[in-house]
Amino acid sequence: MFRSRGGALAFTGITLISVATLVGTEEEDGALADSIAQIEQQGAQFRDQAGDLEQSAPVETAPSPEQVPQQPVATEFVPDDELIVDPTGFDPTPDPESLVGVEIVPLDPDAEDPTG
């Protein structure tokens, strides 16, 4: 893979330094450990703030369905004839006038390709 011993040593050294920076060593934490600590700290702050909100004044909730008076709903029905869509579609055959000058050749599966 490497043509020179120096290139291989440089690659190995850069790789080890990158791993030590990311993961860390026994003496100091790496970037991953710092990120984990920061996320855990933010989670603890969020839980504290959520606990403070729970201890504050209760929030008024929406009334239950039994407490809401029923209102009449006006319903208008449409006749079935208006609901049915015309299923005719369109005719897929080409217009003969648009084919002027075009030669239609039936496809022969055993014939060779004339374009090459």
PDB file of N, CA and C in Angstrom:
ATOM      1  N   MET A   1       0.822  -1.176   0.000  1.00  0.00           N
ATOM      2  CA  MET A   1       0.000   0.000   0.000  1.00  0.00           C
ATOM      3  C   MET A   1       0.877   1.255   0.000  1.00  0.00           C
ATOM      4  N   PHE A   2       1.885   1.274   0.838  1.00  0.00           N
ATOM      5  CA  PHE A   2       2.770   2.436   0.895  1.00  0.00           C
ATOM      6  C   PHE A   2       4.063   2.110   0.160  1.00  0.00           C
ATOM      7  N   ARG A   3       4.596   3.088  -0.519  1.00  0.00           N
ATOM      8  CA  ARG A   3       5.829   2.874  -1.280  1.00  0.00           C
ATOM      9  C   ARG A   3       7.060   3.178  -0.434  1.00  0.00           C
ATOM     10  N   SER A   4       6.861   3.912   0.643  1.00  0.00           N
ATOM     11  CA  SER A   4       8.016   4.230   1.484  1.00  0.00           C
ATOM     12  C   SER A   4       7.669   3.985   2.949  1.00  0.00           C
ATOM     13  N   ARG A   5       8.681   3.685   3.700  1.00  0.00           N
ATOM     14  CA  ARG A   5       8.518   3.423   5.125  1.00  0.00           C
ATOM     15  C   ARG A   5       8.111   4.714   5.838  1.00  0.00           C
ATOM     16  N   GLY A   6       8.635   5.833   5.408  1.00  0.00           N
ATOM     17  CA  GLY A   6       8.306   7.120   6.027  1.00  0.00           C
ATOM     18  C   GLY A   6       6.838   7.474   5.850  1.00  0.00           C
ATOM     19  N   GLY A   7       6.286   7.216   4.673  1.00  0.00           N
ATOM     20  CA  GLY A   7       4.870   7.480   4.433  1.00  0.00           C
ATOM     21  C   GLY A   7       3.982   6.640   5.333  1.00  0.00           C
ATOM     22  N   ALA A   8       4.363   5.375   5.518  1.00  0.00           N
ATOM     23  CA  ALA A   8       3.591   4.490   6.385  1.00  0.00           C
ATOM     24  C   ALA A   8       3.668   4.954   7.834  1.00  0.00           C
ATOM     25  N   LEU A   9       4.853   5.366   8.282  1.00  0.00           N
ATOM     26  CA  LEU A   9       4.999   5.855   9.658  1.00  0.00           C
ATOM     27  C   LEU A   9       4.221   7.153   9.861  1.00  0.00           C
ATOM     28  N   ALA A  10       4.259   8.049   8.875  1.00  0.00           N
ATOM     29  CA  ALA A  10       3.508   9.300   8.987  1.00  0.00           C
ATOM     30  C   ALA A  10       2.011   9.026   9.052  1.00  0.00           C
ATOM     31  N   PHE A  11       1.524   8.114   8.225  1.00  0.00           N
ATOM     32  CA  PHE A  11       0.107   7.754   8.241  1.00  0.00           C
ATOM     33  C   PHE A  11      -0.283   7.163   9.589  1.00  0.00           C
ATOM     34  N   THR A  12       0.539   6.281  10.115  1.00  0.00           N
ATOM     35  CA  THR A  12       0.259   5.654  11.412  1.00  0.00           C
ATOM     36  C   THR A  12       0.269   6.705  12.513  1.00  0.00           C
ATOM     37  N   GLY A  13       1.220   7.611  12.486  1.00  0.00           N
ATOM     38  CA  GLY A  13       1.288   8.650  13.513  1.00  0.00           C
ATOM     39  C   GLY A  13       0.082   9.566  13.480  1.00  0.00           C
ATOM     40  N   ILE A  14      -0.335   9.983  12.297  1.00  0.00           N
ATOM     41  CA  ILE A  14      -1.511  10.850  12.171  1.00  0.00           C
ATOM     42  C   ILE A  14      -2.756  10.125  12.652  1.00  0.00           C
ATOM     43  N   THR A  15      -2.848   8.838  12.335  1.00  0.00           N
ATOM     44  CA  THR A  15      -3.998   8.053  12.773  1.00  0.00           C
ATOM     45  C   THR A  15      -4.030   7.954  14.291  1.00  0.00           C
ATOM     46  N   LEU A  16      -2.896   7.686  14.929  1.00  0.00           N
ATOM     47  CA  LEU A  16      -2.856   7.565  16.392  1.00  0.00           C
ATOM     48  C   LEU A  16      -3.173   8.894  17.071  1.00  0.00           C
ATOM     49  N   ILE A  17      -2.674   9.989  16.534  1.00  0.00           N
ATOM     50  CA  ILE A  17      -2.977  11.302  17.115  1.00  0.00           C
ATOM     51  C   ILE A  17      -4.467  11.613  16.969  1.00  0.00           C
ATOM     52  N   SER A  18      -5.045  11.275  15.834  1.00  0.00           N
ATOM     53  CA  SER A  18      -6.483  11.514  15.623  1.00  0.00           C
ATOM     54  C   SER A  18      -7.319  10.700  16.592  1.00  0.00           C
ATOM     55  N   VAL A  19      -6.944   9.452  16.795  1.00  0.00           N
ATOM     56  CA  VAL A  19      -7.690   8.590  17.725  1.00  0.00           C
ATOM     57  C   VAL A  19      -7.553   9.121  19.146  1.00  0.00           C
ATOM     58  N   ALA A  20      -6.366   9.521  19.539  1.00  0.00           N
ATOM     59  CA  ALA A  20      -6.154  10.037  20.891  1.00  0.00           C
ATOM     60  C   ALA A  20      -6.943  11.327  21.101  1.00  0.00           C
ATOM     61  N   THR A  21      -7.047  12.165  20.079  1.00  0.00           N
ATOM     62  CA  THR A  21      -7.813  13.405  20.205  1.00  0.00           C
ATOM     63  C   THR A  21      -9.302  13.109  20.315  1.00  0.00           C
ATOM     64  N   LEU A  22      -9.773  12.176  19.550  1.00  0.00           N
ATOM     65  CA  LEU A  22     -11.199  11.862  19.532  1.00  0.00           C
ATOM     66  C   LEU A  22     -11.622  11.074  20.764  1.00  0.00           C
ATOM     67  N   VAL A  23     -10.915   9.998  21.064  1.00  0.00           N
ATOM     68  CA  VAL A  23     -11.296   9.111  22.166  1.00  0.00           C
ATOM     69  C   VAL A  23     -10.710   9.578  23.485  1.00  0.00           C
ATOM     70  N   GLY A  24      -9.472  10.044  23.462  1.00  0.00           N
ATOM     71  CA  GLY A  24      -8.824  10.497  24.683  1.00  0.00           C
ATOM     72  C   GLY A  24      -7.782   9.496  25.149  1.00  0.00           C
ATOM     73  N   THR A  25      -7.069   9.894  26.187  1.00  0.00           N
ATOM     74  CA  THR A  25      -6.059   9.025  26.790  1.00  0.00           C
ATOM     75  C   THR A  25      -6.455   8.772  28.228  1.00  0.00           C
ATOM     76  N   GLU A  26      -5.593   8.053  28.968  1.00  0.00           N
ATOM     77  CA  GLU A  26      -5.896   7.786  30.372  1.00  0.00           C
ATOM     78  C   GLU A  26      -5.840   9.069  31.191  1.00  0.00           C
ATOM     79  N   GLU A  27      -4.991  10.009  30.804  1.00  0.00           N
ATOM     80  CA  GLU A  27      -4.829  11.229  31.570  1.00  0.00           C
ATOM     81  C   GLU A  27      -5.907  12.277  31.269  1.00  0.00           C
ATOM     82  N   GLU A  28      -6.299  12.413  30.031  1.00  0.00           N
ATOM     83  CA  GLU A  28      -7.291  13.432  29.685  1.00  0.00           C
ATOM     84  C   GLU A  28      -8.349  12.850  28.747  1.00  0.00           C
ATOM     85  N   ASP A  29      -9.540  13.440  28.851  1.00  0.00           N
ATOM     86  CA  ASP A  29     -10.661  12.972  28.035  1.00  0.00           C
ATOM     87  C   ASP A  29     -10.529  13.501  26.615  1.00  0.00           C
ATOM     88  N   GLY A  30     -11.138  12.779  25.702  1.00  0.00           N
ATOM     89  CA  GLY A  30     -11.140  13.195  24.303  1.00  0.00           C
ATOM     90  C   GLY A  30     -12.401  13.967  23.971  1.00  0.00           C
ATOM     91  N   ALA A  31     -12.570  14.254  22.680  1.00  0.00           N
ATOM     92  CA  ALA A  31     -13.711  15.035  22.215  1.00  0.00           C
ATOM     93  C   ALA A  31     -15.032  14.301  22.443  1.00  0.00           C
ATOM     94  N   LEU A  32     -15.019  12.978  22.316  1.00  0.00           N
ATOM     95  CA  LEU A  32     -16.253  12.215  22.537  1.00  0.00           C
ATOM     96  C   LEU A  32     -16.694  12.295  23.994  1.00  0.00           C
ATOM     97  N   ALA A  33     -15.761  12.132  24.917  1.00  0.00           N
ATOM     98  CA  ALA A  33     -16.103  12.190  26.335  1.00  0.00           C
ATOM     99  C   ALA A  33     -16.590  13.584  26.710  1.00  0.00           C
ATOM    100  N   ASP A  34     -15.970  14.631  26.150  1.00  0.00           N
ATOM    101  CA  ASP A  34     -16.427  15.996  26.417  1.00  0.00           C
ATOM    102  C   ASP A  34     -17.847  16.208  25.903  1.00  0.00           C
ATOM    103  N   SER A  35     -18.131  15.677  24.724  1.00  0.00           N
ATOM    104  CA  SER A  35     -19.479  15.813  24.156  1.00  0.00           C
ATOM    105  C   SER A  35     -20.511  15.078  25.000  1.00  0.00           C
ATOM    106  N   ILE A  36     -20.161  13.899  25.471  1.00  0.00           N
ATOM    107  CA  ILE A  36     -21.086  13.133  26.304  1.00  0.00           C
ATOM    108  C   ILE A  36     -21.362  13.875  27.603  1.00  0.00           C
ATOM    109  N   ALA A  37     -20.323  14.433  28.220  1.00  0.00           N
ATOM    110  CA  ALA A  37     -20.506  15.178  29.466  1.00  0.00           C
ATOM    111  C   ALA A  37     -21.385  16.408  29.244  1.00  0.00           C
ATOM    112  N   GLN A  38     -21.194  17.098  28.125  1.00  0.00           N
ATOM    113  CA  GLN A  38     -21.991  18.277  27.825  1.00  0.00           C
ATOM    114  C   GLN A  38     -23.459  17.903  27.606  1.00  0.00           C
ATOM    115  N   ILE A  39     -23.697  16.813  26.904  1.00  0.00           N
ATOM    116  CA  ILE A  39     -25.079  16.375  26.659  1.00  0.00           C
ATOM    117  C   ILE A  39     -25.749  15.958  27.959  1.00  0.00           C
ATOM    118  N   GLU A  40     -25.020  15.258  28.834  1.00  0.00           N
ATOM    119  CA  GLU A  40     -25.592  14.862  30.123  1.00  0.00           C
ATOM    120  C   GLU A  40     -25.891  16.085  30.984  1.00  0.00           C
ATOM    121  N   GLN A  41     -25.028  17.097  30.945  1.00  0.00           N
ATOM    122  CA  GLN A  41     -25.259  18.321  31.706  1.00  0.00           C
ATOM    123  C   GLN A  41     -26.497  19.051  31.190  1.00  0.00           C
ATOM    124  N   GLN A  42     -26.650  19.130  29.869  1.00  0.00           N
ATOM    125  CA  GLN A  42     -27.827  19.779  29.297  1.00  0.00           C
ATOM    126  C   GLN A  42     -29.098  19.005  29.643  1.00  0.00           C
ATOM    127  N   GLY A  43     -29.002  17.667  29.672  1.00  0.00           N
ATOM    128  CA  GLY A  43     -30.159  16.858  30.046  1.00  0.00           C
ATOM    129  C   GLY A  43     -30.561  17.102  31.488  1.00  0.00           C
ATOM    130  N   ALA A  44     -29.561  17.225  32.379  1.00  0.00           N
ATOM    131  CA  ALA A  44     -29.863  17.494  33.784  1.00  0.00           C
ATOM    132  C   ALA A  44     -30.511  18.867  33.944  1.00  0.00           C
ATOM    133  N   GLN A  45     -30.010  19.876  33.219  1.00  0.00           N
ATOM    134  CA  GLN A  45     -30.615  21.207  33.276  1.00  0.00           C
ATOM    135  C   GLN A  45     -32.047  21.176  32.761  1.00  0.00           C
ATOM    136  N   PHE A  46     -32.280  20.444  31.715  1.00  0.00           N
ATOM    137  CA  PHE A  46     -33.634  20.341  31.166  1.00  0.00           C
ATOM    138  C   PHE A  46     -34.574  19.686  32.167  1.00  0.00           C
ATOM    139  N   ARG A  47     -34.115  18.605  32.802  1.00  0.00           N
ATOM    140  CA  ARG A  47     -34.957  17.933  33.796  1.00  0.00           C
ATOM    141  C   ARG A  47     -35.247  18.855  34.980  1.00  0.00           C
ATOM    142  N   ASP A  48     -34.266  19.657  35.403  1.00  0.00           N
ATOM    143  CA  ASP A  48     -34.492  20.612  36.499  1.00  0.00           C
ATOM    144  C   ASP A  48     -35.532  21.653  36.103  1.00  0.00           C
ATOM    145  N   GLN A  49     -35.415  22.183  34.885  1.00  0.00           N
ATOM    146  CA  GLN A  49     -36.384  23.175  34.424  1.00  0.00           C
ATOM    147  C   GLN A  49     -37.774  22.562  34.289  1.00  0.00           C
ATOM    148  N   ALA A  50     -37.844  21.321  33.829  1.00  0.00           N
ATOM    149  CA  ALA A  50     -39.141  20.655  33.703  1.00  0.00           C
ATOM    150  C   ALA A  50     -39.749  20.422  35.083  1.00  0.00           C
ATOM    151  N   GLY A  51     -38.918  20.086  36.057  1.00  0.00           N
ATOM    152  CA  GLY A  51     -39.423  19.898  37.421  1.00  0.00           C
ATOM    153  C   GLY A  51     -39.944  21.199  37.995  1.00  0.00           C
ATOM    154  N   ASP A  52     -39.269  22.314  37.693  1.00  0.00           N
ATOM    155  CA  ASP A  52     -39.738  23.622  38.165  1.00  0.00           C
ATOM    156  C   ASP A  52     -41.084  23.963  37.544  1.00  0.00           C
ATOM    157  N   LEU A  53     -41.281  23.621  36.281  1.00  0.00           N
ATOM    158  CA  LEU A  53     -42.559  23.898  35.620  1.00  0.00           C
ATOM    159  C   LEU A  53     -43.689  23.066  36.221  1.00  0.00           C
ATOM    160  N   GLU A  54     -43.381  21.832  36.611  1.00  0.00           N
ATOM    161  CA  GLU A  54     -44.415  20.987  37.206  1.00  0.00           C
ATOM    162  C   GLU A  54     -44.855  21.522  38.557  1.00  0.00           C
ATOM    163  N   GLN A  55     -43.939  22.168  39.282  1.00  0.00           N
ATOM    164  CA  GLN A  55     -44.271  22.682  40.604  1.00  0.00           C
ATOM    165  C   GLN A  55     -44.988  24.020  40.536  1.00  0.00           C
ATOM    166  N   SER A  56     -44.991  24.658  39.367  1.00  0.00           N
ATOM    167  CA  SER A  56     -45.665  25.946  39.227  1.00  0.00           C
ATOM    168  C   SER A  56     -47.169  25.742  39.191  1.00  0.00           C
ATOM    169  N   ALA A  57     -47.902  26.817  38.960  1.00  0.00           N
ATOM    170  CA  ALA A  57     -49.371  26.772  38.962  1.00  0.00           C
ATOM    171  C   ALA A  57     -49.878  25.774  37.931  1.00  0.00           C
ATOM    172  N   PRO A  58     -50.964  25.073  38.267  1.00  0.00           N
ATOM    173  CA  PRO A  58     -51.499  24.092  37.314  1.00  0.00           C
ATOM    174  C   PRO A  58     -52.046  24.798  36.067  1.00  0.00           C
ATOM    175  N   VAL A  59     -51.934  24.113  34.971  1.00  0.00           N
ATOM    176  CA  VAL A  59     -52.393  24.637  33.688  1.00  0.00           C
ATOM    177  C   VAL A  59     -53.842  24.227  33.487  1.00  0.00           C
ATOM    178  N   GLU A  60     -54.649  25.186  33.023  1.00  0.00           N
ATOM    179  CA  GLU A  60     -56.041  24.853  32.752  1.00  0.00           C
ATOM    180  C   GLU A  60     -56.111  23.942  31.538  1.00  0.00           C
ATOM    181  N   THR A  61     -56.916  22.926  31.646  1.00  0.00           N
ATOM    182  CA  THR A  61     -57.068  21.985  30.540  1.00  0.00           C
ATOM    183  C   THR A  61     -58.372  22.269  29.808  1.00  0.00           C
ATOM    184  N   ALA A  62     -58.498  21.707  28.656  1.00  0.00           N
ATOM    185  CA  ALA A  62     -59.721  21.859  27.873  1.00  0.00           C
ATOM    186  C   ALA A  62     -60.854  21.115  28.566  1.00  0.00           C
ATOM    187  N   PRO A  63     -62.066  21.595  28.418  1.00  0.00           N
ATOM    188  CA  PRO A  63     -63.193  20.907  29.057  1.00  0.00           C
ATOM    189  C   PRO A  63     -63.407  19.526  28.449  1.00  0.00           C
ATOM    190  N   SER A  64     -63.916  18.639  29.238  1.00  0.00           N
ATOM    191  CA  SER A  64     -64.183  17.294  28.756  1.00  0.00           C
ATOM    192  C   SER A  64     -65.374  17.328  27.794  1.00  0.00           C
ATOM    193  N   PRO A  65     -65.518  16.313  26.966  1.00  0.00           N
ATOM    194  CA  PRO A  65     -66.644  16.307  26.006  1.00  0.00           C
ATOM    195  C   PRO A  65     -68.011  16.378  26.680  1.00  0.00           C
ATOM    196  N   GLU A  66     -68.120  15.891  27.904  1.00  0.00           N
ATOM    197  CA  GLU A  66     -69.414  15.946  28.597  1.00  0.00           C
ATOM    198  C   GLU A  66     -69.773  17.376  28.975  1.00  0.00           C
ATOM    199  N   GLN A  67     -68.770  18.253  29.182  1.00  0.00           N
ATOM    200  CA  GLN A  67     -69.009  19.628  29.596  1.00  0.00           C
ATOM    201  C   GLN A  67     -69.334  20.539  28.414  1.00  0.00           C
ATOM    202  N   VAL A  68     -69.001  20.142  27.198  1.00  0.00           N
ATOM    203  CA  VAL A  68     -69.232  20.978  26.023  1.00  0.00           C
ATOM    204  C   VAL A  68     -70.648  20.734  25.524  1.00  0.00           C
ATOM    205  N   PRO A  69     -71.441  21.791  25.375  1.00  0.00           N
ATOM    206  CA  PRO A  69     -72.810  21.588  24.872  1.00  0.00           C
ATOM    207  C   PRO A  69     -72.785  21.150  23.409  1.00  0.00           C
ATOM    208  N   GLN A  70     -73.668  20.239  23.074  1.00  0.00           N
ATOM    209  CA  GLN A  70     -73.758  19.740  21.707  1.00  0.00           C
ATOM    210  C   GLN A  70     -74.479  20.760  20.833  1.00  0.00           C
ATOM    211  N   GLN A  71     -73.902  21.045  19.674  1.00  0.00           N
ATOM    212  CA  GLN A  71     -74.514  21.983  18.736  1.00  0.00           C
ATOM    213  C   GLN A  71     -74.966  21.206  17.511  1.00  0.00           C
ATOM    214  N   PRO A  72     -76.104  21.545  16.960  1.00  0.00           N
ATOM    215  CA  PRO A  72     -76.565  20.832  15.767  1.00  0.00           C
ATOM    216  C   PRO A  72     -75.644  21.126  14.582  1.00  0.00           C
ATOM    217  N   VAL A  73     -75.429  20.101  13.788  1.00  0.00           N
ATOM    218  CA  VAL A  73     -74.564  20.223  12.619  1.00  0.00           C
ATOM    219  C   VAL A  73     -75.433  20.141  11.374  1.00  0.00           C
ATOM    220  N   ALA A  74     -75.286  21.124  10.504  1.00  0.00           N
ATOM    221  CA  ALA A  74     -76.052  21.114   9.264  1.00  0.00           C
ATOM    222  C   ALA A  74     -75.365  20.178   8.278  1.00  0.00           C
ATOM    223  N   THR A  75     -76.103  19.200   7.779  1.00  0.00           N
ATOM    224  CA  THR A  75     -75.561  18.230   6.844  1.00  0.00           C
ATOM    225  C   THR A  75     -76.342  18.307   5.548  1.00  0.00           C
ATOM    226  N   GLU A  76     -75.615  18.407   4.452  1.00  0.00           N
ATOM    227  CA  GLU A  76     -76.251  18.455   3.146  1.00  0.00           C
ATOM    228  C   GLU A  76     -75.708  17.300   2.317  1.00  0.00           C
ATOM    229  N   PHE A  77     -76.609  16.500   1.778  1.00  0.00           N
ATOM    230  CA  PHE A  77     -76.199  15.351   0.993  1.00  0.00           C
ATOM    231  C   PHE A  77     -76.238  15.694  -0.498  1.00  0.00           C
ATOM    232  N   VAL A  78     -75.319  15.105  -1.242  1.00  0.00           N
ATOM    233  CA  VAL A  78     -75.224  15.328  -2.683  1.00  0.00           C
ATOM    234  C   VAL A  78     -75.833  14.117  -3.379  1.00  0.00           C
ATOM    235  N   PRO A  79     -76.581  14.318  -4.452  1.00  0.00           N
ATOM    236  CA  PRO A  79     -77.149  13.160  -5.168  1.00  0.00           C
ATOM    237  C   PRO A  79     -76.034  12.276  -5.745  1.00  0.00           C
ATOM    238  N   ASP A  80     -76.334  11.006  -5.896  1.00  0.00           N
ATOM    239  CA  ASP A  80     -75.351  10.043  -6.397  1.00  0.00           C
ATOM    240  C   ASP A  80     -74.861  10.386  -7.795  1.00  0.00           C
ATOM    241  N   ASP A  81     -75.721  10.960  -8.623  1.00  0.00           N
ATOM    242  CA  ASP A  81     -75.319  11.300  -9.992  1.00  0.00           C
ATOM    243  C   ASP A  81     -74.171  12.311 -10.006  1.00  0.00           C
ATOM    244  N   GLU A  82     -74.109  13.191  -9.048  1.00  0.00           N
ATOM    245  CA  GLU A  82     -73.036  14.179  -8.992  1.00  0.00           C
ATOM    246  C   GLU A  82     -71.731  13.589  -8.460  1.00  0.00           C
ATOM    247  N   LEU A  83     -71.811  12.451  -7.800  1.00  0.00           N
ATOM    248  CA  LEU A  83     -70.616  11.826  -7.240  1.00  0.00           C
ATOM    249  C   LEU A  83     -69.891  10.940  -8.246  1.00  0.00           C
ATOM    250  N   ILE A  84     -70.580  10.506  -9.293  1.00  0.00           N
ATOM    251  CA  ILE A  84     -69.994   9.584 -10.258  1.00  0.00           C
ATOM    252  C   ILE A  84     -69.202  10.381 -11.293  1.00  0.00           C
ATOM    253  N   VAL A  85     -67.962   9.986 -11.504  1.00  0.00           N
ATOM    254  CA  VAL A  85     -67.085  10.648 -12.462  1.00  0.00           C
ATOM    255  C   VAL A  85     -67.212   9.924 -13.802  1.00  0.00           C
ATOM    256  N   ASP A  86     -67.165  10.687 -14.888  1.00  0.00           N
ATOM    257  CA  ASP A  86     -67.255  10.111 -16.223  1.00  0.00           C
ATOM    258  C   ASP A  86     -66.017   9.237 -16.475  1.00  0.00           C
ATOM    259  N   PRO A  87     -66.166   7.921 -16.637  1.00  0.00           N
ATOM    260  CA  PRO A  87     -65.009   7.031 -16.753  1.00  0.00           C
ATOM    261  C   PRO A  87     -64.530   6.803 -18.181  1.00  0.00           C
ATOM    262  N   THR A  88     -64.868   7.673 -19.124  1.00  0.00           N
ATOM    263  CA  THR A  88     -64.524   7.403 -20.521  1.00  0.00           C
ATOM    264  C   THR A  88     -63.039   7.545 -20.797  1.00  0.00           C
ATOM    265  N   GLY A  89     -62.349   8.515 -20.223  1.00  0.00           N
ATOM    266  CA  GLY A  89     -60.922   8.678 -20.463  1.00  0.00           C
ATOM    267  C   GLY A  89     -60.660   9.274 -21.829  1.00  0.00           C
ATOM    268  N   PHE A  90     -59.530   8.876 -22.475  1.00  0.00           N
ATOM    269  CA  PHE A  90     -59.191   9.403 -23.792  1.00  0.00           C
ATOM    270  C   PHE A  90     -58.766   8.254 -24.690  1.00  0.00           C
ATOM    271  N   ASP A  91     -58.820   8.486 -25.980  1.00  0.00           N
ATOM    272  CA  ASP A  91     -58.464   7.476 -26.973  1.00  0.00           C
ATOM    273  C   ASP A  91     -56.956   7.538 -27.223  1.00  0.00           C
ATOM    274  N   PRO A  92     -56.199   6.450 -26.976  1.00  0.00           N
ATOM    275  CA  PRO A  92     -54.744   6.486 -27.107  1.00  0.00           C
ATOM    276  C   PRO A  92     -54.236   6.339 -28.544  1.00  0.00           C
ATOM    277  N   THR A  93     -55.119   6.073 -29.512  1.00  0.00           N
ATOM    278  CA  THR A  93     -54.627   5.913 -30.883  1.00  0.00           C
ATOM    279  C   THR A  93     -54.188   7.265 -31.426  1.00  0.00           C
ATOM    280  N   PRO A  94     -53.070   7.296 -32.153  1.00  0.00           N
ATOM    281  CA  PRO A  94     -52.570   8.575 -32.659  1.00  0.00           C
ATOM    282  C   PRO A  94     -53.464   9.129 -33.758  1.00  0.00           C
ATOM    283  N   ASP A  95     -53.395  10.430 -33.915  1.00  0.00           N
ATOM    284  CA  ASP A  95     -54.146  11.117 -34.954  1.00  0.00           C
ATOM    285  C   ASP A  95     -53.485  10.809 -36.295  1.00  0.00           C
ATOM    286  N   PRO A  96     -54.228  10.271 -37.288  1.00  0.00           N
ATOM    287  CA  PRO A  96     -53.601   9.917 -38.573  1.00  0.00           C
ATOM    288  C   PRO A  96     -52.978  11.114 -39.282  1.00  0.00           C
ATOM    289  N   GLU A  97     -53.492  12.302 -39.096  1.00  0.00           N
ATOM    290  CA  GLU A  97     -52.937  13.479 -39.751  1.00  0.00           C
ATOM    291  C   GLU A  97     -51.569  13.849 -39.183  1.00  0.00           C
ATOM    292  N   SER A  98     -51.290  13.477 -37.940  1.00  0.00           N
ATOM    293  CA  SER A  98     -49.989  13.800 -37.352  1.00  0.00           C
ATOM    294  C   SER A  98     -48.921  12.807 -37.801  1.00  0.00           C
ATOM    295  N   LEU A  99     -49.320  11.716 -38.471  1.00  0.00           N
ATOM    296  CA  LEU A  99     -48.372  10.698 -38.916  1.00  0.00           C
ATOM    297  C   LEU A  99     -48.017  10.830 -40.395  1.00  0.00           C
ATOM    298  N   VAL A 100     -48.291  11.972 -40.999  1.00  0.00           N
ATOM    299  CA  VAL A 100     -47.993  12.168 -42.414  1.00  0.00           C
ATOM    300  C   VAL A 100     -46.480  12.128 -42.587  1.00  0.00           C
ATOM    301  N   GLY A 101     -46.018  11.281 -43.506  1.00  0.00           N
ATOM    302  CA  GLY A 101     -44.596  11.158 -43.783  1.00  0.00           C
ATOM    303  C   GLY A 101     -43.877  10.190 -42.870  1.00  0.00           C
ATOM    304  N   VAL A 102     -44.564   9.560 -41.953  1.00  0.00           N
ATOM    305  CA  VAL A 102     -43.947   8.600 -41.035  1.00  0.00           C
ATOM    306  C   VAL A 102     -44.302   7.205 -41.506  1.00  0.00           C
ATOM    307  N   GLU A 103     -43.295   6.366 -41.633  1.00  0.00           N
ATOM    308  CA  GLU A 103     -43.531   4.992 -42.069  1.00  0.00           C
ATOM    309  C   GLU A 103     -43.628   4.104 -40.825  1.00  0.00           C
ATOM    310  N   ILE A 104     -44.727   3.402 -40.716  1.00  0.00           N
ATOM    311  CA  ILE A 104     -44.930   2.506 -39.587  1.00  0.00           C
ATOM    312  C   ILE A 104     -44.556   1.107 -40.044  1.00  0.00           C
ATOM    313  N   VAL A 105     -43.551   0.539 -39.382  1.00  0.00           N
ATOM    314  CA  VAL A 105     -43.054  -0.776 -39.747  1.00  0.00           C
ATOM    315  C   VAL A 105     -43.376  -1.733 -38.597  1.00  0.00           C
ATOM    316  N   PRO A 106     -44.004  -2.876 -38.892  1.00  0.00           N
ATOM    317  CA  PRO A 106     -44.278  -3.836 -37.821  1.00  0.00           C
ATOM    318  C   PRO A 106     -42.968  -4.397 -37.272  1.00  0.00           C
ATOM    319  N   LEU A 107     -42.941  -4.672 -36.020  1.00  0.00           N
ATOM    320  CA  LEU A 107     -41.745  -5.149 -35.346  1.00  0.00           C
ATOM    321  C   LEU A 107     -41.602  -6.650 -35.546  1.00  0.00           C
ATOM    322  N   ASP A 108     -40.454  -7.051 -36.070  1.00  0.00           N
ATOM    323  CA  ASP A 108     -40.141  -8.461 -36.244  1.00  0.00           C
ATOM    324  C   ASP A 108     -39.065  -8.807 -35.222  1.00  0.00           C
ATOM    325  N   PRO A 109     -39.376  -9.640 -34.245  1.00  0.00           N
ATOM    326  CA  PRO A 109     -38.397  -9.918 -33.194  1.00  0.00           C
ATOM    327  C   PRO A 109     -37.160 -10.661 -33.697  1.00  0.00           C
ATOM    328  N   ASP A 110     -37.241 -11.363 -34.839  1.00  0.00           N
ATOM    329  CA  ASP A 110     -36.103 -12.115 -35.336  1.00  0.00           C
ATOM    330  C   ASP A 110     -35.204 -11.279 -36.244  1.00  0.00           C
ATOM    331  N   ALA A 111     -35.657 -10.104 -36.651  1.00  0.00           N
ATOM    332  CA  ALA A 111     -34.885  -9.277 -37.555  1.00  0.00           C
ATOM    333  C   ALA A 111     -33.752  -8.577 -36.825  1.00  0.00           C
ATOM    334  N   GLU A 112     -32.679  -8.274 -37.540  1.00  0.00           N
ATOM    335  CA  GLU A 112     -31.554  -7.563 -36.948  1.00  0.00           C
ATOM    336  C   GLU A 112     -31.882  -6.078 -36.869  1.00  0.00           C
ATOM    337  N   ASP A 113     -31.194  -5.385 -35.995  1.00  0.00           N
ATOM    338  CA  ASP A 113     -31.409  -3.944 -35.792  1.00  0.00           C
ATOM    339  C   ASP A 113     -30.843  -3.215 -37.018  1.00  0.00           C
ATOM    340  N   PRO A 114     -31.671  -2.454 -37.774  1.00  0.00           N
ATOM    341  CA  PRO A 114     -31.163  -1.790 -38.986  1.00  0.00           C
ATOM    342  C   PRO A 114     -30.272  -0.594 -38.661  1.00  0.00           C
ATOM    343  N   THR A 115     -30.284  -0.095 -37.421  1.00  0.00           N
ATOM    344  CA  THR A 115     -29.446   1.066 -37.083  1.00  0.00           C
ATOM    345  C   THR A 115     -28.031   0.653 -36.741  1.00  0.00           C
ATOM    346  N   GLY A 116     -27.774  -0.601 -36.616  1.00  0.00           N
ATOM    347  CA  GLY A 116     -26.386  -0.967 -36.401  1.00  0.00           C
ATOM    348  C   GLY A 116     -26.231  -1.979 -35.380  1.00  0.00           C
TER     349      GLY A 116
END
